[in-house]
C-alpha atoms as a PDB file:
ATOM      1  CA  ILE A   1       0.026  -0.013  -0.118  1.00  0.00           C
ATOM      2  CA  GLU A   2       1.156   3.297  -1.058  1.00  0.00           C
ATOM      3  CA  LYS A   3      -0.108   6.695   0.628  1.00  0.00           C
ATOM      4  CA  TYR A   4       0.466   9.876  -0.994  1.00  0.00           C
ATOM      5  CA  LEU A   5      -0.470  13.630  -0.188  1.00  0.00           C
ATOM      6  CA  ASN A   6      -1.049  16.304  -2.964  1.00  0.00           C
ATOM      7  CA  MET A   7       0.815  19.296  -1.742  1.00  0.00           C
ATOM      8  CA  ARG A   8       1.493  22.845  -2.964  1.00  0.00           C
ATOM      9  CA  TYR A   9       2.495  26.384  -1.501  1.00  0.00           C
ATOM     10  CA  GLU A  10       0.012  28.857  -0.465  1.00  0.00           C
ATOM     11  CA  GLY A  11      -1.210  31.094  -3.272  1.00  0.00           C
ATOM     12  CA  THR A  12      -0.253  28.446  -5.950  1.00  0.00           C
ATOM     13  CA  ASP A  13      -2.479  26.516  -8.057  1.00  0.00           C
ATOM     14  CA  ASN A  14      -0.282  23.280  -8.943  1.00  0.00           C
ATOM     15  CA  ALA A  15       0.155  20.851  -6.174  1.00  0.00           C
ATOM     16  CA  ILE A  16       2.751  17.821  -6.470  1.00  0.00           C
ATOM     17  CA  MET A  17       2.035  14.374  -5.468  1.00  0.00           C
ATOM     18  CA  ILE A  18       4.057  13.348  -2.328  1.00  0.00           C
ATOM     19  CA  LEU A  19       4.786   9.665  -1.751  1.00  0.00           C
ATOM     20  CA  GLU A  20       4.669   8.796   2.051  1.00  0.00           C
ATOM     21  CA  CYS A  21       8.709   8.373   3.183  1.00  0.00           C
ATOM     22  CA  LYS A  22       9.089   4.764   4.154  1.00  0.00           C
ATOM     23  CA  ASP A  23      12.323   5.738   6.684  1.00  0.00           C
ATOM     24  CA  SER A  24      10.338   8.125   8.751  1.00  0.00           C
ATOM     25  CA  ASP A  25       6.982   8.128  10.630  1.00  0.00           C
ATOM     26  CA  SER A  26       6.936  11.881  11.160  1.00  0.00           C
ATOM     27  CA  PRO A  27       4.349  13.859   9.146  1.00  0.00           C
ATOM     28  CA  LEU A  28       6.906  16.577   8.352  1.00  0.00           C
ATOM     29  CA  SER A  29       8.732  13.867   5.913  1.00  0.00           C
ATOM     30  CA  TYR A  30       6.151  14.910   3.486  1.00  0.00           C
ATOM     31  CA  ALA A  31       7.016  18.639   3.947  1.00  0.00           C
ATOM     32  CA  ARG A  32      10.792  17.893   3.410  1.00  0.00           C
ATOM     33  CA  THR A  33      10.269  15.753   0.222  1.00  0.00           C
ATOM     34  CA  PHE A  34       8.062  18.147  -0.824  1.00  0.00           C
ATOM     35  CA  VAL A  35      10.463  21.057  -0.650  1.00  0.00           C
ATOM     36  CA  ASP A  36      13.126  18.908  -2.347  1.00  0.00           C
ATOM     37  CA  GLN A  37      10.807  17.952  -5.244  1.00  0.00           C
ATOM     38  CA  TYR A  38       9.694  21.340  -5.596  1.00  0.00           C
ATOM     39  CA  HIS A  39      13.269  22.835  -6.173  1.00  0.00           C
ATOM     40  CA  ARG A  40      14.481  19.904  -8.241  1.00  0.00           C
ATOM     41  CA  GLU A  41      11.633  20.813 -10.505  1.00  0.00           C
ATOM     42  CA  PHE A  42      11.366  24.403 -10.367  1.00  0.00           C
ATOM     43  CA  GLY A  43      14.712  25.451  -9.030  1.00  0.00           C
ATOM     44  CA  PHE A  44      13.740  27.625  -6.012  1.00  0.00           C
ATOM     45  CA  GLU A  45      11.925  27.440  -2.829  1.00  0.00           C
ATOM     46  CA  LEU A  46       9.048  29.889  -1.714  1.00  0.00           C
ATOM     47  CA  GLU A  47      10.406  30.435   1.755  1.00  0.00           C
ATOM     48  CA  GLY A  48       8.026  31.443   4.387  1.00  0.00           C
ATOM     49  CA  ARG A  49       4.866  30.445   2.776  1.00  0.00           C
ATOM     50  CA  ASP A  50       2.688  27.854   4.201  1.00  0.00           C
ATOM     51  CA  LEU A  51       2.405  24.231   2.855  1.00  0.00           C
ATOM     52  CA  LEU A  52      -1.469  23.197   2.239  1.00  0.00           C
ATOM     53  CA  ILE A  53      -2.769  19.508   1.473  1.00  0.00           C
ATOM     54  CA  ASP A  54      -5.192  19.426  -1.306  1.00  0.00           C
ATOM     55  CA  ASP A  55      -5.933  15.652  -1.040  1.00  0.00           C
ATOM     56  CA  PHE A  56      -4.885  12.327   0.329  1.00  0.00           C
ATOM     57  CA  ARG A  57      -4.501   9.247  -1.976  1.00  0.00           C
ATOM     58  CA  VAL A  58      -4.003   5.747  -1.197  1.00  0.00           C
ATOM     59  CA  ARG A  59      -2.792   3.047  -4.085  1.00  0.00           C
ATOM     60  CA  ALA A  60      -2.753  -0.529  -3.401  1.00  0.00           C
ATOM     61  CA  ILE A  61      -0.672  -2.670  -5.617  1.00  0.00           C
ATOM     62  CA  VAL A  62      -1.207  -6.731  -6.221  1.00  0.00           C
ATOM     63  CA  PRO A  63       1.227  -8.661  -7.615  1.00  0.00           C
ATOM     64  CA  GLY A  64       0.455 -10.875 -10.393  1.00  0.00           C
ATOM     65  CA  ALA A  65       1.910 -13.219 -12.492  1.00  0.00           C
ATOM     66  CA  THR A  66       4.861 -12.371 -14.722  1.00  0.00           C
ATOM     67  CA  PRO A  67       3.575 -12.976 -18.421  1.00  0.00           C
ATOM     68  CA  ALA A  68       5.792 -15.275 -20.609  1.00  0.00           C
ATOM     69  CA  PRO A  69       7.537 -13.499 -23.424  1.00  0.00           C
ATOM     70  CA  PRO A  70       5.628 -13.674 -26.609  1.00  0.00           C
ATOM     71  CA  PRO A  71       6.898 -16.384 -29.235  1.00  0.00           C
ATOM     72  CA  SER A  72       8.902 -15.513 -31.897  1.00  0.00           C
ATOM     73  CA  VAL A  73       7.341 -15.645 -35.329  1.00  0.00           C
ATOM     74  CA  PRO A  74       8.593 -16.985 -38.715  1.00  0.00           C
ATOM     75  CA  SER A  75       9.314 -14.339 -41.576  1.00  0.00           C
ATOM     76  CA  LEU A  76       6.557 -14.281 -44.214  1.00  0.00           C
ATOM     77  CA  GLY A  77       8.469 -11.847 -46.448  1.00  0.00           C
ATOM     78  CA  ALA A  78       6.748  -8.718 -47.937  1.00  0.00           C
ATOM     79  CA  PRO A  79       3.301  -8.578 -48.170  1.00  0.00           C
ATOM     80  CA  PRO A  80       1.137  -7.463 -51.210  1.00  0.00           C
ATOM     81  CA  ALA A  81       1.315  -3.573 -51.793  1.00  0.00           C
ATOM     82  CA  PHE A  82      -2.138  -2.051 -52.316  1.00  0.00           C
ATOM     83  CA  GLY A  83      -0.667   0.800 -54.449  1.00  0.00           C
ATOM     84  CA  SER A  84       2.089   2.893 -55.162  1.00  0.00           C
ATOM     85  CA  CYS A  85       2.858   6.604 -55.024  1.00  0.00           C
ATOM     86  CA  ARG A  86       5.877   9.145 -55.487  1.00  0.00           C
ATOM     87  CA  ALA A  87       7.499  10.424 -52.240  1.00  0.00           C
ATOM     88  CA  TYR A  88      10.456  12.633 -51.774  1.00  0.00           C
ATOM     89  CA  PHE A  89      13.378  10.921 -49.756  1.00  0.00           C
ATOM     90  CA  GLU A  90      16.795  12.073 -49.210  1.00  0.00           C
ATOM     91  CA  ASN A  91      18.208  10.885 -52.557  1.00  0.00           C
ATOM     92  CA  GLY A  92      15.295  12.551 -54.301  1.00  0.00           C
ATOM     93  CA  TRP A  93      11.817  11.498 -55.683  1.00  0.00           C
ATOM     94  CA  GLU A  94      11.131   7.827 -55.587  1.00  0.00           C
ATOM     95  CA  THR A  95       8.123   5.602 -56.762  1.00  0.00           C
ATOM     96  CA  VAL A  96       7.305   3.549 -53.673  1.00  0.00           C
ATOM     97  CA  SER A  97       4.809   0.939 -52.536  1.00  0.00           C
ATOM     98  CA  THR A  98       2.104   1.613 -50.390  1.00  0.00           C
ATOM     99  CA  TYR A  99       0.562  -0.826 -47.813  1.00  0.00           C
ATOM    100  CA  LYS A 100      -2.242  -0.730 -45.660  1.00  0.00           C
ATOM    101  CA  PHE A 101      -1.619  -1.619 -42.090  1.00  0.00           C
ATOM    102  CA  GLU A 102      -4.656  -3.813 -41.376  1.00  0.00           C
ATOM    103  CA  ASP A 103      -3.421  -5.756 -44.066  1.00  0.00           C
ATOM    104  CA  LEU A 104      -0.196  -6.769 -42.173  1.00  0.00           C
ATOM    105  CA  LYS A 105       0.313  -9.952 -40.475  1.00  0.00           C
ATOM    106  CA  PRO A 106       2.567 -11.288 -37.964  1.00  0.00           C
ATOM    107  CA  GLY A 107       6.069 -11.970 -39.950  1.00  0.00           C
ATOM    108  CA  HIS A 108       5.481  -9.705 -42.790  1.00  0.00           C
ATOM    109  CA  GLU A 109       8.859  -7.536 -43.282  1.00  0.00           C
ATOM    110  CA  ILE A 110       8.995  -4.445 -45.409  1.00  0.00           C
ATOM    111  CA  LEU A 111      11.935  -2.943 -46.736  1.00  0.00           C
ATOM    112  CA  GLY A 112      12.427   0.774 -47.305  1.00  0.00           C
ATOM    113  CA  PRO A 113      11.680   3.253 -48.649  1.00  0.00           C
ATOM    114  CA  ALA A 114       8.074   2.420 -48.445  1.00  0.00           C
ATOM    115  CA  ILE A 115       4.738   4.185 -47.102  1.00  0.00           C
ATOM    116  CA  ILE A 116       2.449   2.186 -44.761  1.00  0.00           C
ATOM    117  CA  VAL A 117      -1.125   4.031 -44.117  1.00  0.00           C
ATOM    118  CA  GLN A 118      -3.585   3.365 -41.728  1.00  0.00           C
ATOM    119  CA  SER A 119      -6.692   5.231 -40.184  1.00  0.00           C
ATOM    120  CA  ILE A 120      -5.004   7.626 -37.725  1.00  0.00           C
ATOM    121  CA  SER A 121      -1.692   7.768 -38.874  1.00  0.00           C
ATOM    122  CA  THR A 122       0.927   7.432 -42.054  1.00  0.00           C
ATOM    123  CA  ILE A 123       4.291   5.572 -41.460  1.00  0.00           C
ATOM    124  CA  VAL A 124       7.201   6.552 -43.719  1.00  0.00           C
ATOM    125  CA  LEU A 125       9.817   3.793 -44.141  1.00  0.00           C
ATOM    126  CA  GLU A 126      13.075   5.645 -44.938  1.00  0.00           C
ATOM    127  CA  ILE A 127      15.799   4.162 -47.240  1.00  0.00           C
ATOM    128  CA  GLY A 128      17.418   1.423 -45.854  1.00  0.00           C
ATOM    129  CA  CYS A 129      15.168   0.707 -43.042  1.00  0.00           C
ATOM    130  CA  LYS A 130      13.238  -2.285 -42.528  1.00  0.00           C
ATOM    131  CA  ALA A 131       9.832  -3.005 -40.828  1.00  0.00           C
ATOM    132  CA  PHE A 132       8.829  -6.248 -39.165  1.00  0.00           C
ATOM    133  CA  VAL A 133       5.490  -6.978 -37.627  1.00  0.00           C
ATOM    134  CA  THR A 134       5.603  -8.639 -34.319  1.00  0.00           C
ATOM    135  CA  THR A 135       3.480 -11.505 -32.545  1.00  0.00           C
ATOM    136  CA  ASP A 136       1.533  -8.684 -30.983  1.00  0.00           C
ATOM    137  CA  GLY A 137       0.821  -6.967 -34.373  1.00  0.00           C
ATOM    138  CA  ASP A 138       3.467  -4.110 -33.450  1.00  0.00           C
ATOM    139  CA  LEU A 139       5.585  -2.532 -36.127  1.00  0.00           C
ATOM    140  CA  ASP A 140       9.469  -2.837 -35.394  1.00  0.00           C
ATOM    141  CA  ILE A 141      11.436  -0.704 -37.331  1.00  0.00           C
ATOM    142  CA  THR A 142      15.123  -1.158 -37.696  1.00  0.00           C
ATOM    143  CA  VAL A 143      17.046   1.918 -39.082  1.00  0.00           C
ATOM    144  CA  GLN A 144      20.323   1.455 -40.779  1.00  0.00           C
ATOM    145  CA  PRO A 145      23.237   3.693 -39.783  1.00  0.00           C
ATOM    146  CA  LYS A 146      24.078   6.706 -42.162  1.00  0.00           C
ATOM    147  CA  LYS A 147      27.421   6.125 -43.967  1.00  0.00           C
ATOM    148  CA  HIS A 148      29.486   9.334 -44.323  1.00  0.00           C
ATOM    149  CA  GLU A 149      31.415   8.460 -47.596  1.00  0.00           C
ATOM    150  CA  ASP A 150      32.183  12.418 -47.979  1.00  0.00           C
ATOM    151  CA  ASP A 151      34.722  12.607 -45.488  1.00  0.00           C
ATOM    152  CA  GLU A 152      36.602   9.470 -47.029  1.00  0.00           C
ATOM    153  CA  HIS A 153      36.892  11.030 -50.362  1.00  0.00           C
ATOM    154  CA  MET A 154      37.617  14.888 -49.192  1.00  0.00           C
ATOM    155  CA  ASP A 155      41.251  16.405 -50.628  1.00  0.00           C
ATOM    156  CA  THR A 156      42.877  18.019 -47.717  1.00  0.00           C
ATOM    157  CA  SER A 157      46.233  18.430 -49.537  1.00  0.00           C
ATOM    158  CA  ASN A 158      45.449  21.913 -50.415  1.00  0.00           C
ATOM    159  CA  GLU A 159      45.206  23.731 -46.667  1.00  0.00           C
ATOM    160  CA  ASP A 160      44.167  26.924 -48.269  1.00  0.00           C
ATOM    161  CA  GLN A 161      41.283  25.286 -50.098  1.00  0.00           C
ATOM    162  CA  LYS A 162      37.703  26.889 -49.033  1.00  0.00           C
ATOM    163  CA  VAL A 163      35.312  24.647 -47.794  1.00  0.00           C
ATOM    164  CA  GLU A 164      31.723  25.682 -48.178  1.00  0.00           C
ATOM    165  CA  ILE A 165      29.698  24.819 -45.541  1.00  0.00           C
ATOM    166  CA  LYS A 166      26.114  24.170 -46.037  1.00  0.00           C
ATOM    167  CA  GLU A 167      23.112  23.785 -43.483  1.00  0.00           C
ATOM    168  CA  ASP A 168      21.307  20.797 -42.998  1.00  0.00           C
ATOM    169  CA  PRO A 169      17.558  22.567 -43.231  1.00  0.00           C
ATOM    170  CA  VAL A 170      16.239  19.569 -41.256  1.00  0.00           C
ATOM    171  CA  GLN A 171      18.843  19.938 -38.262  1.00  0.00           C
ATOM    172  CA  LEU A 172      18.413  23.645 -38.540  1.00  0.00           C
ATOM    173  CA  SER A 173      14.644  23.397 -37.818  1.00  0.00           C
ATOM    174  CA  ILE A 174      14.967  20.714 -35.182  1.00  0.00           C
ATOM    175  CA  PHE A 175      17.415  23.052 -33.229  1.00  0.00           C
ATOM    176  CA  ALA A 176      15.185  26.060 -33.913  1.00  0.00           C
ATOM    177  CA  HIS A 177      12.217  24.100 -32.345  1.00  0.00           C
ATOM    178  CA  ARG A 178      14.542  23.217 -29.650  1.00  0.00           C
ATOM    179  CA  PHE A 179      15.325  26.537 -28.938  1.00  0.00           C
ATOM    180  CA  MET A 180      12.007  27.632 -29.114  1.00  0.00           C
ATOM    181  CA  GLY A 181      10.878  24.630 -26.933  1.00  0.00           C
ATOM    182  CA  ILE A 182      13.352  25.963 -24.125  1.00  0.00           C
ATOM    183  CA  ALA A 183      11.123  29.226 -24.231  1.00  0.00           C
ATOM    184  CA  GLU A 184       7.766  27.617 -24.325  1.00  0.00           C
ATOM    185  CA  GLN A 185       8.608  25.349 -21.276  1.00  0.00           C
ATOM    186  CA  MET A 186      10.125  28.429 -19.532  1.00  0.00           C
ATOM    187  CA  GLY A 187       6.463  30.103 -19.884  1.00  0.00           C
ATOM    188  CA  ARG A 188       4.778  26.675 -18.604  1.00  0.00           C
ATOM    189  CA  THR A 189       6.831  26.791 -15.335  1.00  0.00           C
ATOM    190  CA  LEU A 190       6.358  30.579 -14.747  1.00  0.00           C
ATOM    191  CA  ALA A 191       2.399  29.978 -15.079  1.00  0.00           C
ATOM    192  CA  ARG A 192       2.658  26.910 -12.685  1.00  0.00           C
ATOM    193  CA  THR A 193       4.879  28.614 -10.002  1.00  0.00           C
ATOM    194  CA  ALA A 194       3.300  31.861  -9.895  1.00  0.00           C
ATOM    195  CA  ILE A 195       1.497  33.493  -7.175  1.00  0.00           C
ATOM    196  CA  SER A 196       0.038  36.540  -9.024  1.00  0.00           C
ATOM    197  CA  VAL A 197      -2.999  36.119 -11.180  1.00  0.00           C
ATOM    198  CA  ASN A 198      -1.677  38.403 -13.794  1.00  0.00           C
ATOM    199  CA  ILE A 199       0.833  35.333 -14.485  1.00  0.00           C
ATOM    200  CA  LYS A 200      -1.135  32.066 -13.421  1.00  0.00           C
ATOM    201  CA  GLU A 201      -4.311  33.029 -14.959  1.00  0.00           C
ATOM    202  CA  ARG A 202      -4.083  35.955 -17.210  1.00  0.00           C
ATOM    203  CA  LEU A 203      -0.626  34.653 -18.840  1.00  0.00           C
ATOM    204  CA  ASP A 204       0.181  38.396 -19.294  1.00  0.00           C
ATOM    205  CA  PHE A 205       4.177  37.300 -19.503  1.00  0.00           C
ATOM    206  CA  SER A 206       6.666  36.244 -22.352  1.00  0.00           C
ATOM    207  CA  CYS A 207      10.064  34.196 -22.276  1.00  0.00           C
ATOM    208  CA  ALA A 208      12.750  34.305 -24.558  1.00  0.00           C
ATOM    209  CA  LEU A 209      16.593  32.691 -25.277  1.00  0.00           C
ATOM    210  CA  PHE A 210      19.340  35.189 -26.006  1.00  0.00           C
ATOM    211  CA  THR A 211      22.978  34.621 -26.942  1.00  0.00           C
ATOM    212  CA  ASN A 212      25.756  35.486 -24.434  1.00  0.00           C
ATOM    213  CA  ASP A 213      25.930  39.226 -25.904  1.00  0.00           C
ATOM    214  CA  GLY A 214      22.022  39.599 -25.801  1.00  0.00           C
ATOM    215  CA  GLY A 215      20.754  38.963 -29.433  1.00  0.00           C
ATOM    216  CA  LEU A 216      17.596  37.108 -29.574  1.00  0.00           C
ATOM    217  CA  VAL A 217      17.708  33.458 -30.354  1.00  0.00           C
ATOM    218  CA  ALA A 218      14.161  32.242 -30.032  1.00  0.00           C
ATOM    219  CA  ASN A 219      10.976  33.291 -28.080  1.00  0.00           C
ATOM    220  CA  ALA A 220       7.933  31.567 -27.245  1.00  0.00           C
ATOM    221  CA  PRO A 221       4.822  32.776 -28.710  1.00  0.00           C
ATOM    222  CA  HIS A 222       3.756  35.069 -25.924  1.00  0.00           C
ATOM    223  CA  ILE A 223       3.135  38.893 -25.859  1.00  0.00           C
ATOM    224  CA  PRO A 224       4.481  40.716 -28.815  1.00  0.00           C
ATOM    225  CA  VAL A 225       4.715  44.054 -27.130  1.00  0.00           C
ATOM    226  CA  HIS A 226       6.956  42.365 -24.365  1.00  0.00           C
ATOM    227  CA  LEU A 227       9.037  40.714 -27.042  1.00  0.00           C
ATOM    228  CA  GLY A 228       9.903  43.316 -29.039  1.00  0.00           C
ATOM    229  CA  ALA A 229      11.936  45.411 -26.243  1.00  0.00           C
ATOM    230  CA  MET A 230      13.385  42.245 -24.454  1.00  0.00           C
ATOM    231  CA  GLN A 231      16.538  41.940 -26.646  1.00  0.00           C
ATOM    232  CA  SER A 232      17.062  45.772 -25.683  1.00  0.00           C
ATOM    233  CA  ALA A 233      16.832  45.104 -22.221  1.00  0.00           C
ATOM    234  CA  VAL A 234      19.261  42.066 -21.839  1.00  0.00           C
ATOM    235  CA  ARG A 235      21.837  43.878 -24.228  1.00  0.00           C
ATOM    236  CA  PHE A 236      21.351  46.864 -21.569  1.00  0.00           C
ATOM    237  CA  GLN A 237      22.091  44.574 -18.647  1.00  0.00           C
ATOM    238  CA  VAL A 238      25.476  42.910 -20.266  1.00  0.00           C
ATOM    239  CA  GLU A 239      26.715  46.350 -21.139  1.00  0.00           C
ATOM    240  CA  TYR A 240      25.659  47.950 -17.690  1.00  0.00           C
ATOM    241  CA  TRP A 241      27.304  45.403 -15.548  1.00  0.00           C
ATOM    242  CA  ASN A 242      30.235  44.671 -17.613  1.00  0.00           C
ATOM    243  CA  SER A 243      31.212  48.523 -17.707  1.00  0.00           C
ATOM    244  CA  GLU A 244      33.983  49.680 -15.727  1.00  0.00           C
ATOM    245  CA  GLY A 245      33.676  50.266 -11.924  1.00  0.00           C
ATOM    246  CA  ARG A 246      30.419  47.422 -11.965  1.00  0.00           C
ATOM    247  CA  GLU A 247      30.590  44.396 -10.483  1.00  0.00           C
ATOM    248  CA  GLY A 248      30.381  42.230 -13.226  1.00  0.00           C
ATOM    249  CA  ILE A 249      28.029  39.450 -14.174  1.00  0.00           C
ATOM    250  CA  ASN A 250      28.791  36.378 -12.018  1.00  0.00           C
ATOM    251  CA  GLU A 251      27.836  32.643 -11.748  1.00  0.00           C
ATOM    252  CA  GLY A 252      24.746  33.003  -9.238  1.00  0.00           C
ATOM    253  CA  ASP A 253      23.203  36.199 -10.625  1.00  0.00           C
ATOM    254  CA  VAL A 254      20.011  37.169 -11.542  1.00  0.00           C
ATOM    255  CA  PHE A 255      19.025  40.627 -12.954  1.00  0.00           C
ATOM    256  CA  VAL A 256      15.761  42.750 -12.763  1.00  0.00           C
ATOM    257  CA  SER A 257      14.744  45.826 -14.593  1.00  0.00           C
ATOM    258  CA  ASN A 258      11.751  47.642 -15.875  1.00  0.00           C
ATOM    259  CA  HIS A 259      12.991  51.397 -16.964  1.00  0.00           C
ATOM    260  CA  PRO A 260      11.294  52.091 -20.340  1.00  0.00           C
ATOM    261  CA  GLN A 261      13.583  54.970 -21.110  1.00  0.00           C
ATOM    262  CA  LEU A 262      17.129  53.452 -20.054  1.00  0.00           C
ATOM    263  CA  ALA A 263      16.860  49.757 -19.680  1.00  0.00           C
ATOM    264  CA  GLY A 264      14.828  48.338 -22.798  1.00  0.00           C
ATOM    265  CA  GLY A 265      11.517  48.186 -20.754  1.00  0.00           C
ATOM    266  CA  SER A 266       7.824  48.481 -22.033  1.00  0.00           C
ATOM    267  CA  HIS A 267       6.059  50.105 -19.342  1.00  0.00           C
ATOM    268  CA  LEU A 268       6.781  49.926 -15.440  1.00  0.00           C
ATOM    269  CA  PRO A 269       4.318  47.090 -14.374  1.00  0.00           C
ATOM    270  CA  ASP A 270       6.546  44.946 -16.730  1.00  0.00           C
ATOM    271  CA  ILE A 271       9.193  43.742 -14.892  1.00  0.00           C
ATOM    272  CA  THR A 272      11.800  41.747 -17.084  1.00  0.00           C
ATOM    273  CA  VAL A 273      14.253  39.139 -14.927  1.00  0.00           C
ATOM    274  CA  ILE A 274      17.446  37.815 -16.860  1.00  0.00           C
ATOM    275  CA  THR A 275      19.525  35.014 -15.908  1.00  0.00           C
ATOM    276  CA  PRO A 276      22.938  34.449 -17.448  1.00  0.00           C
ATOM    277  CA  VAL A 277      23.356  30.370 -18.022  1.00  0.00           C
ATOM    278  CA  PHE A 278      27.052  29.477 -17.201  1.00  0.00           C
ATOM    279  CA  HIS A 279      29.189  26.532 -18.245  1.00  0.00           C
ATOM    280  CA  GLU A 280      32.701  26.173 -16.944  1.00  0.00           C
ATOM    281  CA  GLY A 281      32.942  29.589 -15.863  1.00  0.00           C
ATOM    282  CA  LYS A 282      31.614  30.934 -19.130  1.00  0.00           C
ATOM    283  CA  ILE A 283      28.405  32.615 -20.127  1.00  0.00           C
ATOM    284  CA  LEU A 284      26.819  30.414 -22.749  1.00  0.00           C
ATOM    285  CA  PHE A 285      23.559  32.273 -23.273  1.00  0.00           C
ATOM    286  CA  PHE A 286      20.634  34.497 -21.338  1.00  0.00           C
ATOM    287  CA  VAL A 287      17.206  33.338 -20.473  1.00  0.00           C
ATOM    288  CA  ALA A 288      14.745  36.020 -19.688  1.00  0.00           C
ATOM    289  CA  SER A 289      10.966  36.274 -18.866  1.00  0.00           C
ATOM    290  CA  ARG A 290       9.018  39.557 -18.511  1.00  0.00           C
ATOM    291  CA  GLY A 291       5.208  39.741 -16.928  1.00  0.00           C
ATOM    292  CA  HIS A 292       3.096  42.465 -15.836  1.00  0.00           C
ATOM    293  CA  HIS A 293       2.688  43.027 -11.959  1.00  0.00           C
ATOM    294  CA  SER A 294      -0.556  44.103 -10.618  1.00  0.00           C
ATOM    295  CA  ASP A 295       0.751  47.105  -8.415  1.00  0.00           C
ATOM    296  CA  ILE A 296       4.516  48.724  -8.529  1.00  0.00           C
ATOM    297  CA  GLY A 297       3.299  51.808  -6.697  1.00  0.00           C
ATOM    298  CA  GLY A 298       2.569  55.340  -8.093  1.00  0.00           C
ATOM    299  CA  ILE A 299      -0.117  57.549  -7.663  1.00  0.00           C
ATOM    300  CA  SER A 300      -3.026  55.165  -8.482  1.00  0.00           C
ATOM    301  CA  PRO A 301      -3.887  51.639  -8.000  1.00  0.00           C
ATOM    302  CA  GLY A 302      -2.865  49.359 -10.972  1.00  0.00           C
ATOM    303  CA  SER A 303       0.420  51.761 -11.558  1.00  0.00           C
ATOM    304  CA  MET A 304      -0.932  52.852 -14.951  1.00  0.00           C
ATOM    305  CA  PRO A 305      -2.443  56.503 -14.359  1.00  0.00           C
ATOM    306  CA  PRO A 306      -3.625  58.095 -17.317  1.00  0.00           C
ATOM    307  CA  HIS A 307      -3.140  61.744 -15.841  1.00  0.00           C
ATOM    308  CA  SER A 308       0.498  61.122 -14.847  1.00  0.00           C
ATOM    309  CA  THR A 309       3.015  63.981 -15.813  1.00  0.00           C
ATOM    310  CA  ASN A 310       6.310  62.246 -15.360  1.00  0.00           C
ATOM    311  CA  LEU A 311       7.665  58.410 -15.227  1.00  0.00           C
ATOM    312  CA  GLU A 312       8.148  58.653 -11.142  1.00  0.00           C
ATOM    313  CA  GLU A 313       4.226  58.887 -10.473  1.00  0.00           C
ATOM    314  CA  GLU A 314       3.657  55.697 -12.523  1.00  0.00           C
ATOM    315  CA  GLY A 315       5.583  53.716  -9.951  1.00  0.00           C
ATOM    316  CA  ALA A 316       8.811  51.878  -9.147  1.00  0.00           C
ATOM    317  CA  ARG A 317      11.561  52.409 -11.549  1.00  0.00           C
ATOM    318  CA  ILE A 318      14.279  49.773 -11.800  1.00  0.00           C
ATOM    319  CA  VAL A 319      17.576  50.481 -14.243  1.00  0.00           C
ATOM    320  CA  ALA A 320      19.414  47.609 -13.005  1.00  0.00           C
ATOM    321  CA  PHE A 321      19.311  45.394  -9.666  1.00  0.00           C
ATOM    322  CA  LYS A 322      20.625  41.822  -8.925  1.00  0.00           C
ATOM    323  CA  LEU A 323      17.671  39.916  -7.736  1.00  0.00           C
ATOM    324  CA  VAL A 324      19.945  37.137  -6.890  1.00  0.00           C
ATOM    325  CA  LYS A 325      23.423  37.921  -6.036  1.00  0.00           C
ATOM    326  CA  ASN A 326      25.816  34.999  -5.816  1.00  0.00           C
ATOM    327  CA  GLY A 327      22.733  32.835  -5.427  1.00  0.00           C
ATOM    328  CA  LYS A 328      21.156  34.627  -2.729  1.00  0.00           C
ATOM    329  CA  PHE A 329      17.952  36.048  -2.885  1.00  0.00           C
ATOM    330  CA  GLN A 330      18.298  39.724  -2.299  1.00  0.00           C
ATOM    331  CA  GLU A 331      14.580  39.996  -0.939  1.00  0.00           C
ATOM    332  CA  LYS A 332      15.070  42.844   1.288  1.00  0.00           C
ATOM    333  CA  GLY A 333      16.657  45.239  -1.479  1.00  0.00           C
ATOM    334  CA  ILE A 334      13.789  44.351  -4.160  1.00  0.00           C
ATOM    335  CA  THR A 335      11.160  44.875  -1.287  1.00  0.00           C
ATOM    336  CA  ASP A 336      12.906  48.646  -0.610  1.00  0.00           C
ATOM    337  CA  ILE A 337      12.469  49.320  -4.174  1.00  0.00           C
ATOM    338  CA  LEU A 338       9.156  48.356  -4.664  1.00  0.00           C
ATOM    339  CA  VAL A 339       7.717  50.127  -1.149  1.00  0.00           C
ATOM    340  CA  ASN A 340       9.808  52.992  -0.743  1.00  0.00           C
ATOM    341  CA  GLN A 341       8.954  55.571  -3.282  1.00  0.00           C
ATOM    342  CA  GLU A 342       8.050  59.513  -3.572  1.00  0.00           C
ATOM    343  CA  TYR A 343       4.358  58.631  -4.692  1.00  0.00           C
ATOM    344  CA  GLY A 344       3.678  55.749  -2.618  1.00  0.00           C
ATOM    345  CA  GLY A 345       4.767  51.939  -2.823  1.00  0.00           C
ATOM    346  CA  THR A 346       3.210  49.025  -4.103  1.00  0.00           C
ATOM    347  CA  ARG A 347      -0.346  48.371  -2.799  1.00  0.00           C
ATOM    348  CA  ASN A 348      -0.033  44.624  -2.807  1.00  0.00           C
ATOM    349  CA  LEU A 349       3.479  43.416  -2.360  1.00  0.00           C
ATOM    350  CA  LYS A 350       2.562  39.595  -1.517  1.00  0.00           C
ATOM    351  CA  ASP A 351       0.806  39.237  -4.924  1.00  0.00           C
ATOM    352  CA  ASN A 352       3.877  40.542  -7.080  1.00  0.00           C
END
């Protein structure tokens, strides 16, 4: 019997299922396990917040007999094709046989190139690959390793010979989607861990990936007005902290800014958080997120007064501040910035 608690931080919406610790009878073991899992999944902890239990779950496992492996099936060779068509492969256009998945029987073998169709999907069997129908009716595809003959015939006698580098469009597309996937995962994580309703429900935020000098690499399809200026915000922080007399950019630092005139911001409630990613002591790239905050001070609630005459009346102005310094969250520093202002500080610090 396994016992679980669905737990979450107060103010967040997403719970994590925690398994009972067998090594301890203390109820606090659930809390310690939750904090460890939360930190492993999201990279930080919400210190000082209460833990809530959404529900209790019990699962009983009854072991049964281990099923015997299916018997091997003799090869029946290639099944009859129901037609043919022209398809484009790496060697160019090919006329290939087409097969219906429901007509295949255990033991049938199909050599690529070929196309196998069924009601819900189409399977393209590449050149040099082989598909075998197993006893259970599954399709086991063996992929032949690609031979690189170009390297064997390359002439390296002339050191001054210019080599033309051609980008593989498939590989280029794969990496473009991988980079965009990073930004999309950033957004999902931000929404799952957020306290603010603006972030977790209204989804008023944007995430993107940048080069080590602040150039945009990929962004998720979030808010265009955020994304248009984020590159300028990242580049400003790189230049600001690397300028003479500054502290520089160190591992464990995270920067925050929102100033629209000096630091590449959009408007003051949109606060940008920028994190450098290090490897072996060098910055590989930056990740950044920009989110709308419900209130950062100013002369009216919401920090977007229509009758303001200067920027100071709209709320806190952050040109450059290390939100995390050497791995330590600067909570007092960012609180002072948001609370202590000439025209009144934030009215809802907890939601920010």
